[in-house]
Amino acid sequence: MVWMLWSLSFAGVVAVISTKFTLKQTTALSWVIGFMLMWLVIGNLGVLPTKLLWFAVPLSLVESYGASYIAHYFQRKNK
């Protein structure tokens, strides 16, 4: 349930950010907001190994880009 709320919040934030920034800027901001802040908390709790970051960072960049692209696509379509 918590991950569902996190995903919905992330999608909402990306949609709002994408109205004011370019695709690259939206990707960077959404990655910082979604991934870095989440890993800061999880890293502080010490529940996940740091070696997982080698896989998580590239995949999270792809996730942030995909979310940003979808948000920009729908905004262009609605104009």
PDB file of N, CA and C in Angstrom:
ATOM      1  N   MET A   1       0.812  -1.188   0.000  1.00  0.00           N
ATOM      2  CA  MET A   1       0.000   0.000   0.000  1.00  0.00           C
ATOM      3  C   MET A   1       0.867   1.269   0.000  1.00  0.00           C
ATOM      4  N   VAL A   2       1.963   1.232   0.751  1.00  0.00           N
ATOM      5  CA  VAL A   2       2.846   2.393   0.814  1.00  0.00           C
ATOM      6  C   VAL A   2       3.503   2.640  -0.542  1.00  0.00           C
ATOM      7  N   TRP A   3       3.918   1.574  -1.239  1.00  0.00           N
ATOM      8  CA  TRP A   3       4.551   1.750  -2.549  1.00  0.00           C
ATOM      9  C   TRP A   3       3.556   2.276  -3.575  1.00  0.00           C
ATOM     10  N   MET A   4       2.296   1.890  -3.425  1.00  0.00           N
ATOM     11  CA  MET A   4       1.276   2.409  -4.329  1.00  0.00           C
ATOM     12  C   MET A   4       1.108   3.919  -4.124  1.00  0.00           C
ATOM     13  N   LEU A   5       1.087   4.357  -2.883  1.00  0.00           N
ATOM     14  CA  LEU A   5       0.994   5.787  -2.597  1.00  0.00           C
ATOM     15  C   LEU A   5       2.234   6.528  -3.073  1.00  0.00           C
ATOM     16  N   TRP A   6       3.406   5.899  -2.908  1.00  0.00           N
ATOM     17  CA  TRP A   6       4.647   6.519  -3.380  1.00  0.00           C
ATOM     18  C   TRP A   6       4.605   6.666  -4.902  1.00  0.00           C
ATOM     19  N   SER A   7       4.158   5.634  -5.604  1.00  0.00           N
ATOM     20  CA  SER A   7       4.092   5.684  -7.069  1.00  0.00           C
ATOM     21  C   SER A   7       3.111   6.743  -7.549  1.00  0.00           C
ATOM     22  N   LEU A   8       1.969   6.832  -6.899  1.00  0.00           N
ATOM     23  CA  LEU A   8       0.989   7.842  -7.268  1.00  0.00           C
ATOM     24  C   LEU A   8       1.531   9.244  -7.007  1.00  0.00           C
ATOM     25  N   SER A   9       2.198   9.427  -5.899  1.00  0.00           N
ATOM     26  CA  SER A   9       2.804  10.728  -5.582  1.00  0.00           C
ATOM     27  C   SER A   9       3.894  11.077  -6.589  1.00  0.00           C
ATOM     28  N   PHE A  10       4.713  10.107  -6.945  1.00  0.00           N
ATOM     29  CA  PHE A  10       5.788  10.330  -7.915  1.00  0.00           C
ATOM     30  C   PHE A  10       5.205  10.743  -9.265  1.00  0.00           C
ATOM     31  N   ALA A  11       4.161  10.056  -9.711  1.00  0.00           N
ATOM     32  CA  ALA A  11       3.531  10.390 -10.990  1.00  0.00           C
ATOM     33  C   ALA A  11       2.942  11.801 -10.949  1.00  0.00           C
ATOM     34  N   GLY A  12       2.326  12.156  -9.844  1.00  0.00           N
ATOM     35  CA  GLY A  12       1.768  13.498  -9.714  1.00  0.00           C
ATOM     36  C   GLY A  12       2.830  14.575  -9.742  1.00  0.00           C
ATOM     37  N   VAL A  13       3.928  14.344  -9.050  1.00  0.00           N
ATOM     38  CA  VAL A  13       5.025  15.310  -9.027  1.00  0.00           C
ATOM     39  C   VAL A  13       5.630  15.468 -10.414  1.00  0.00           C
ATOM     40  N   VAL A  14       5.817  14.361 -11.116  1.00  0.00           N
ATOM     41  CA  VAL A  14       6.380  14.427 -12.470  1.00  0.00           C
ATOM     42  C   VAL A  14       5.437  15.187 -13.392  1.00  0.00           C
ATOM     43  N   ALA A  15       4.148  14.950 -13.271  1.00  0.00           N
ATOM     44  CA  ALA A  15       3.175  15.659 -14.114  1.00  0.00           C
ATOM     45  C   ALA A  15       3.223  17.160 -13.855  1.00  0.00           C
ATOM     46  N   VAL A  16       3.337  17.565 -12.610  1.00  0.00           N
ATOM     47  CA  VAL A  16       3.396  18.989 -12.284  1.00  0.00           C
ATOM     48  C   VAL A  16       4.709  19.603 -12.759  1.00  0.00           C
ATOM     49  N   ILE A  17       5.809  18.918 -12.519  1.00  0.00           N
ATOM     50  CA  ILE A  17       7.122  19.431 -12.925  1.00  0.00           C
ATOM     51  C   ILE A  17       7.211  19.563 -14.446  1.00  0.00           C
ATOM     52  N   SER A  18       6.617  18.615 -15.159  1.00  0.00           N
ATOM     53  CA  SER A  18       6.751  18.616 -16.620  1.00  0.00           C
ATOM     54  C   SER A  18       6.047  19.790 -17.281  1.00  0.00           C
ATOM     55  N   THR A  19       5.145  20.451 -16.562  1.00  0.00           N
ATOM     56  CA  THR A  19       4.475  21.613 -17.160  1.00  0.00           C
ATOM     57  C   THR A  19       5.390  22.828 -17.210  1.00  0.00           C
ATOM     58  N   LYS A  20       6.427  22.855 -16.398  1.00  0.00           N
ATOM     59  CA  LYS A  20       7.276  24.038 -16.299  1.00  0.00           C
ATOM     60  C   LYS A  20       8.697  23.838 -16.814  1.00  0.00           C
ATOM     61  N   PHE A  21       9.106  22.585 -17.041  1.00  0.00           N
ATOM     62  CA  PHE A  21      10.492  22.313 -17.412  1.00  0.00           C
ATOM     63  C   PHE A  21      10.555  21.468 -18.676  1.00  0.00           C
ATOM     64  N   THR A  22      11.739  21.422 -19.271  1.00  0.00           N
ATOM     65  CA  THR A  22      11.963  20.591 -20.448  1.00  0.00           C
ATOM     66  C   THR A  22      12.043  19.124 -20.044  1.00  0.00           C
ATOM     67  N   LEU A  23      12.125  18.255 -21.042  1.00  0.00           N
ATOM     68  CA  LEU A  23      12.191  16.817 -20.779  1.00  0.00           C
ATOM     69  C   LEU A  23      13.431  16.457 -19.958  1.00  0.00           C
ATOM     70  N   LYS A  24      14.578  17.004 -20.315  1.00  0.00           N
ATOM     71  CA  LYS A  24      15.810  16.711 -19.573  1.00  0.00           C
ATOM     72  C   LYS A  24      15.746  17.241 -18.145  1.00  0.00           C
ATOM     73  N   GLN A  25      15.238  18.444 -18.001  1.00  0.00           N
ATOM     74  CA  GLN A  25      15.127  19.023 -16.663  1.00  0.00           C
ATOM     75  C   GLN A  25      14.120  18.255 -15.809  1.00  0.00           C
ATOM     76  N   THR A  26      13.019  17.854 -16.406  1.00  0.00           N
ATOM     77  CA  THR A  26      12.020  17.067 -15.680  1.00  0.00           C
ATOM     78  C   THR A  26      12.595  15.733 -15.250  1.00  0.00           C
ATOM     79  N   THR A  27      13.360  15.097 -16.129  1.00  0.00           N
ATOM     80  CA  THR A  27      13.990  13.826 -15.785  1.00  0.00           C
ATOM     81  C   THR A  27      14.947  14.002 -14.607  1.00  0.00           C
ATOM     82  N   ALA A  28      15.778  15.020 -14.670  1.00  0.00           N
ATOM     83  CA  ALA A  28      16.750  15.246 -13.595  1.00  0.00           C
ATOM     84  C   ALA A  28      16.062  15.567 -12.271  1.00  0.00           C
ATOM     85  N   LEU A  29      15.088  16.444 -12.308  1.00  0.00           N
ATOM     86  CA  LEU A  29      14.381  16.803 -11.075  1.00  0.00           C
ATOM     87  C   LEU A  29      13.597  15.628 -10.505  1.00  0.00           C
ATOM     88  N   SER A  30      12.932  14.876 -11.354  1.00  0.00           N
ATOM     89  CA  SER A  30      12.162  13.740 -10.852  1.00  0.00           C
ATOM     90  C   SER A  30      13.084  12.660 -10.298  1.00  0.00           C
ATOM     91  N   TRP A  31      14.280  12.514 -10.892  1.00  0.00           N
ATOM     92  CA  TRP A  31      15.219  11.522 -10.361  1.00  0.00           C
ATOM     93  C   TRP A  31      15.714  11.944  -8.981  1.00  0.00           C
ATOM     94  N   VAL A  32      16.033  13.211  -8.828  1.00  0.00           N
ATOM     95  CA  VAL A  32      16.485  13.698  -7.525  1.00  0.00           C
ATOM     96  C   VAL A  32      15.382  13.552  -6.484  1.00  0.00           C
ATOM     97  N   ILE A  33      14.175  13.938  -6.858  1.00  0.00           N
ATOM     98  CA  ILE A  33      13.060  13.868  -5.919  1.00  0.00           C
ATOM     99  C   ILE A  33      12.702  12.418  -5.597  1.00  0.00           C
ATOM    100  N   GLY A  34      12.572  11.602  -6.618  1.00  0.00           N
ATOM    101  CA  GLY A  34      12.100  10.238  -6.404  1.00  0.00           C
ATOM    102  C   GLY A  34      13.141   9.269  -5.916  1.00  0.00           C
ATOM    103  N   PHE A  35      14.307   9.306  -6.498  1.00  0.00           N
ATOM    104  CA  PHE A  35      15.307   8.285  -6.194  1.00  0.00           C
ATOM    105  C   PHE A  35      16.256   8.703  -5.086  1.00  0.00           C
ATOM    106  N   MET A  36      16.850   9.845  -5.239  1.00  0.00           N
ATOM    107  CA  MET A  36      17.866  10.225  -4.263  1.00  0.00           C
ATOM    108  C   MET A  36      17.286  10.396  -2.869  1.00  0.00           C
ATOM    109  N   LEU A  37      16.126  11.023  -2.772  1.00  0.00           N
ATOM    110  CA  LEU A  37      15.537  11.202  -1.454  1.00  0.00           C
ATOM    111  C   LEU A  37      15.108   9.861  -0.852  1.00  0.00           C
ATOM    112  N   MET A  38      14.576   8.963  -1.697  1.00  0.00           N
ATOM    113  CA  MET A  38      14.185   7.646  -1.199  1.00  0.00           C
ATOM    114  C   MET A  38      15.407   6.874  -0.696  1.00  0.00           C
ATOM    115  N   TRP A  39      16.493   6.914  -1.471  1.00  0.00           N
ATOM    116  CA  TRP A  39      17.683   6.171  -1.050  1.00  0.00           C
ATOM    117  C   TRP A  39      18.366   6.820   0.144  1.00  0.00           C
ATOM    118  N   LEU A  40      18.215   8.106   0.295  1.00  0.00           N
ATOM    119  CA  LEU A  40      18.752   8.768   1.479  1.00  0.00           C
ATOM    120  C   LEU A  40      18.081   8.204   2.733  1.00  0.00           C
ATOM    121  N   VAL A  41      16.789   8.049   2.681  1.00  0.00           N
ATOM    122  CA  VAL A  41      16.051   7.502   3.822  1.00  0.00           C
ATOM    123  C   VAL A  41      16.366   6.020   4.008  1.00  0.00           C
ATOM    124  N   ILE A  42      16.317   5.255   2.928  1.00  0.00           N
ATOM    125  CA  ILE A  42      16.579   3.817   3.028  1.00  0.00           C
ATOM    126  C   ILE A  42      18.022   3.566   3.452  1.00  0.00           C
ATOM    127  N   GLY A  43      18.953   4.352   2.923  1.00  0.00           N
ATOM    128  CA  GLY A  43      20.352   4.207   3.331  1.00  0.00           C
ATOM    129  C   GLY A  43      20.563   4.541   4.789  1.00  0.00           C
ATOM    130  N   ASN A  44      19.849   5.525   5.259  1.00  0.00           N
ATOM    131  CA  ASN A  44      19.951   5.892   6.658  1.00  0.00           C
ATOM    132  C   ASN A  44      19.422   4.778   7.562  1.00  0.00           C
ATOM    133  N   LEU A  45      18.398   4.075   7.110  1.00  0.00           N
ATOM    134  CA  LEU A  45      17.853   2.958   7.879  1.00  0.00           C
ATOM    135  C   LEU A  45      18.763   1.734   7.823  1.00  0.00           C
ATOM    136  N   GLY A  46      19.588   1.650   6.781  1.00  0.00           N
ATOM    137  CA  GLY A  46      20.519   0.541   6.641  1.00  0.00           C
ATOM    138  C   GLY A  46      19.858  -0.781   6.283  1.00  0.00           C
ATOM    139  N   VAL A  47      18.765  -0.743   5.539  1.00  0.00           N
ATOM    140  CA  VAL A  47      18.040  -1.975   5.220  1.00  0.00           C
ATOM    141  C   VAL A  47      18.438  -2.588   3.878  1.00  0.00           C
ATOM    142  N   LEU A  48      19.104  -1.833   3.017  1.00  0.00           N
ATOM    143  CA  LEU A  48      19.512  -2.367   1.723  1.00  0.00           C
ATOM    144  C   LEU A  48      21.023  -2.236   1.555  1.00  0.00           C
ATOM    145  N   PRO A  49      21.636  -3.228   0.890  1.00  0.00           N
ATOM    146  CA  PRO A  49      23.085  -3.158   0.675  1.00  0.00           C
ATOM    147  C   PRO A  49      23.447  -2.077  -0.346  1.00  0.00           C
ATOM    148  N   THR A  50      24.575  -1.438  -0.139  1.00  0.00           N
ATOM    149  CA  THR A  50      24.993  -0.370  -1.057  1.00  0.00           C
ATOM    150  C   THR A  50      25.400  -0.898  -2.428  1.00  0.00           C
ATOM    151  N   LYS A  51      25.755  -2.173  -2.532  1.00  0.00           N
ATOM    152  CA  LYS A  51      26.095  -2.744  -3.843  1.00  0.00           C
ATOM    153  C   LYS A  51      24.889  -2.765  -4.777  1.00  0.00           C
ATOM    154  N   LEU A  52      23.716  -2.687  -4.216  1.00  0.00           N
ATOM    155  CA  LEU A  52      22.503  -2.652  -5.020  1.00  0.00           C
ATOM    156  C   LEU A  52      22.407  -1.362  -5.834  1.00  0.00           C
ATOM    157  N   LEU A  53      23.116  -0.329  -5.410  1.00  0.00           N
ATOM    158  CA  LEU A  53      23.087   0.954  -6.120  1.00  0.00           C
ATOM    159  C   LEU A  53      23.605   0.837  -7.552  1.00  0.00           C
ATOM    160  N   TRP A  54      24.523  -0.099  -7.817  1.00  0.00           N
ATOM    161  CA  TRP A  54      25.050  -0.284  -9.172  1.00  0.00           C
ATOM    162  C   TRP A  54      23.945  -0.648 -10.153  1.00  0.00           C
ATOM    163  N   PHE A  55      22.924  -1.317  -9.685  1.00  0.00           N
ATOM    164  CA  PHE A  55      21.789  -1.670 -10.534  1.00  0.00           C
ATOM    165  C   PHE A  55      20.659  -0.652 -10.414  1.00  0.00           C
ATOM    166  N   ALA A  56      20.479  -0.115  -9.226  1.00  0.00           N
ATOM    167  CA  ALA A  56      19.339   0.764  -8.965  1.00  0.00           C
ATOM    168  C   ALA A  56      19.483   2.128  -9.632  1.00  0.00           C
ATOM    169  N   VAL A  57      20.673   2.671  -9.689  1.00  0.00           N
ATOM    170  CA  VAL A  57      20.857   4.015 -10.268  1.00  0.00           C
ATOM    171  C   VAL A  57      20.500   4.035 -11.754  1.00  0.00           C
ATOM    172  N   PRO A  58      21.064   3.156 -12.585  1.00  0.00           N
ATOM    173  CA  PRO A  58      20.689   3.210 -14.007  1.00  0.00           C
ATOM    174  C   PRO A  58      19.204   2.913 -14.241  1.00  0.00           C
ATOM    175  N   LEU A  59      18.668   1.956 -13.501  1.00  0.00           N
ATOM    176  CA  LEU A  59      17.254   1.632 -13.682  1.00  0.00           C
ATOM    177  C   LEU A  59      16.350   2.773 -13.233  1.00  0.00           C
ATOM    178  N   SER A  60      16.745   3.480 -12.192  1.00  0.00           N
ATOM    179  CA  SER A  60      15.933   4.605 -11.739  1.00  0.00           C
ATOM    180  C   SER A  60      16.009   5.775 -12.717  1.00  0.00           C
ATOM    181  N   LEU A  61      17.149   5.938 -13.376  1.00  0.00           N
ATOM    182  CA  LEU A  61      17.248   6.974 -14.412  1.00  0.00           C
ATOM    183  C   LEU A  61      16.321   6.660 -15.580  1.00  0.00           C
ATOM    184  N   VAL A  62      16.253   5.387 -15.950  1.00  0.00           N
ATOM    185  CA  VAL A  62      15.339   4.967 -17.015  1.00  0.00           C
ATOM    186  C   VAL A  62      13.896   5.187 -16.580  1.00  0.00           C
ATOM    187  N   GLU A  63      13.586   4.864 -15.339  1.00  0.00           N
ATOM    188  CA  GLU A  63      12.241   5.069 -14.798  1.00  0.00           C
ATOM    189  C   GLU A  63      11.867   6.557 -14.811  1.00  0.00           C
ATOM    190  N   SER A  64      12.773   7.398 -14.372  1.00  0.00           N
ATOM    191  CA  SER A  64      12.497   8.836 -14.343  1.00  0.00           C
ATOM    192  C   SER A  64      12.339   9.397 -15.752  1.00  0.00           C
ATOM    193  N   TYR A  65      13.158   8.939 -16.679  1.00  0.00           N
ATOM    194  CA  TYR A  65      13.033   9.383 -18.059  1.00  0.00           C
ATOM    195  C   TYR A  65      11.703   8.927 -18.654  1.00  0.00           C
ATOM    196  N   GLY A  66      11.339   7.675 -18.396  1.00  0.00           N
ATOM    197  CA  GLY A  66      10.074   7.157 -18.919  1.00  0.00           C
ATOM    198  C   GLY A  66       8.880   7.934 -18.387  1.00  0.00           C
ATOM    199  N   ALA A  67       8.889   8.217 -17.106  1.00  0.00           N
ATOM    200  CA  ALA A  67       7.795   8.990 -16.511  1.00  0.00           C
ATOM    201  C   ALA A  67       7.755  10.402 -17.084  1.00  0.00           C
ATOM    202  N   SER A  68       8.907  11.008 -17.264  1.00  0.00           N
ATOM    203  CA  SER A  68       8.969  12.362 -17.821  1.00  0.00           C
ATOM    204  C   SER A  68       8.506  12.383 -19.272  1.00  0.00           C
ATOM    205  N   TYR A  69       8.917  11.390 -20.024  1.00  0.00           N
ATOM    206  CA  TYR A  69       8.521  11.310 -21.431  1.00  0.00           C
ATOM    207  C   TYR A  69       7.006  11.149 -21.564  1.00  0.00           C
ATOM    208  N   ILE A  70       6.429  10.286 -20.752  1.00  0.00           N
ATOM    209  CA  ILE A  70       4.978  10.072 -20.797  1.00  0.00           C
ATOM    210  C   ILE A  70       4.240  11.361 -20.427  1.00  0.00           C
ATOM    211  N   ALA A  71       4.709  12.050 -19.395  1.00  0.00           N
ATOM    212  CA  ALA A  71       4.067  13.301 -18.989  1.00  0.00           C
ATOM    213  C   ALA A  71       4.150  14.343 -20.097  1.00  0.00           C
ATOM    214  N   HIS A  72       5.307  14.472 -20.726  1.00  0.00           N
ATOM    215  CA  HIS A  72       5.463  15.445 -21.811  1.00  0.00           C
ATOM    216  C   HIS A  72       4.632  15.036 -23.022  1.00  0.00           C
ATOM    217  N   TYR A  73       4.547  13.753 -23.295  1.00  0.00           N
ATOM    218  CA  TYR A  73       3.760  13.264 -24.430  1.00  0.00           C
ATOM    219  C   TYR A  73       2.295  13.652 -24.271  1.00  0.00           C
ATOM    220  N   PHE A  74       1.727  13.408 -23.099  1.00  0.00           N
ATOM    221  CA  PHE A  74       0.320  13.735 -22.872  1.00  0.00           C
ATOM    222  C   PHE A  74       0.068  15.238 -22.866  1.00  0.00           C
ATOM    223  N   GLN A  75       1.023  16.007 -22.427  1.00  0.00           N
ATOM    224  CA  GLN A  75       0.844  17.457 -22.437  1.00  0.00           C
ATOM    225  C   GLN A  75       0.884  18.006 -23.867  1.00  0.00           C
ATOM    226  N   ARG A  76       1.750  17.452 -24.706  1.00  0.00           N
ATOM    227  CA  ARG A  76       1.774  17.880 -26.109  1.00  0.00           C
ATOM    228  C   ARG A  76       0.496  17.482 -26.812  1.00  0.00           C
ATOM    229  N   LYS A  77      -0.005  16.307 -26.475  1.00  0.00           N
ATOM    230  CA  LYS A  77      -1.218  15.803 -27.109  1.00  0.00           C
ATOM    231  C   LYS A  77      -2.447  16.638 -26.734  1.00  0.00           C
ATOM    232  N   ASN A  78      -2.458  17.171 -25.522  1.00  0.00           N
ATOM    233  CA  ASN A  78      -3.593  17.968 -25.060  1.00  0.00           C
ATOM    234  C   ASN A  78      -3.572  19.410 -25.542  1.00  0.00           C
ATOM    235  N   LYS A  79      -2.476  19.861 -26.121  1.00  0.00           N
ATOM    236  CA  LYS A  79      -2.386  21.256 -26.600  1.00  0.00           C
ATOM    237  C   LYS A  79      -3.017  21.414 -27.951  1.00  0.00           C
TER     238      LYS A  79
END
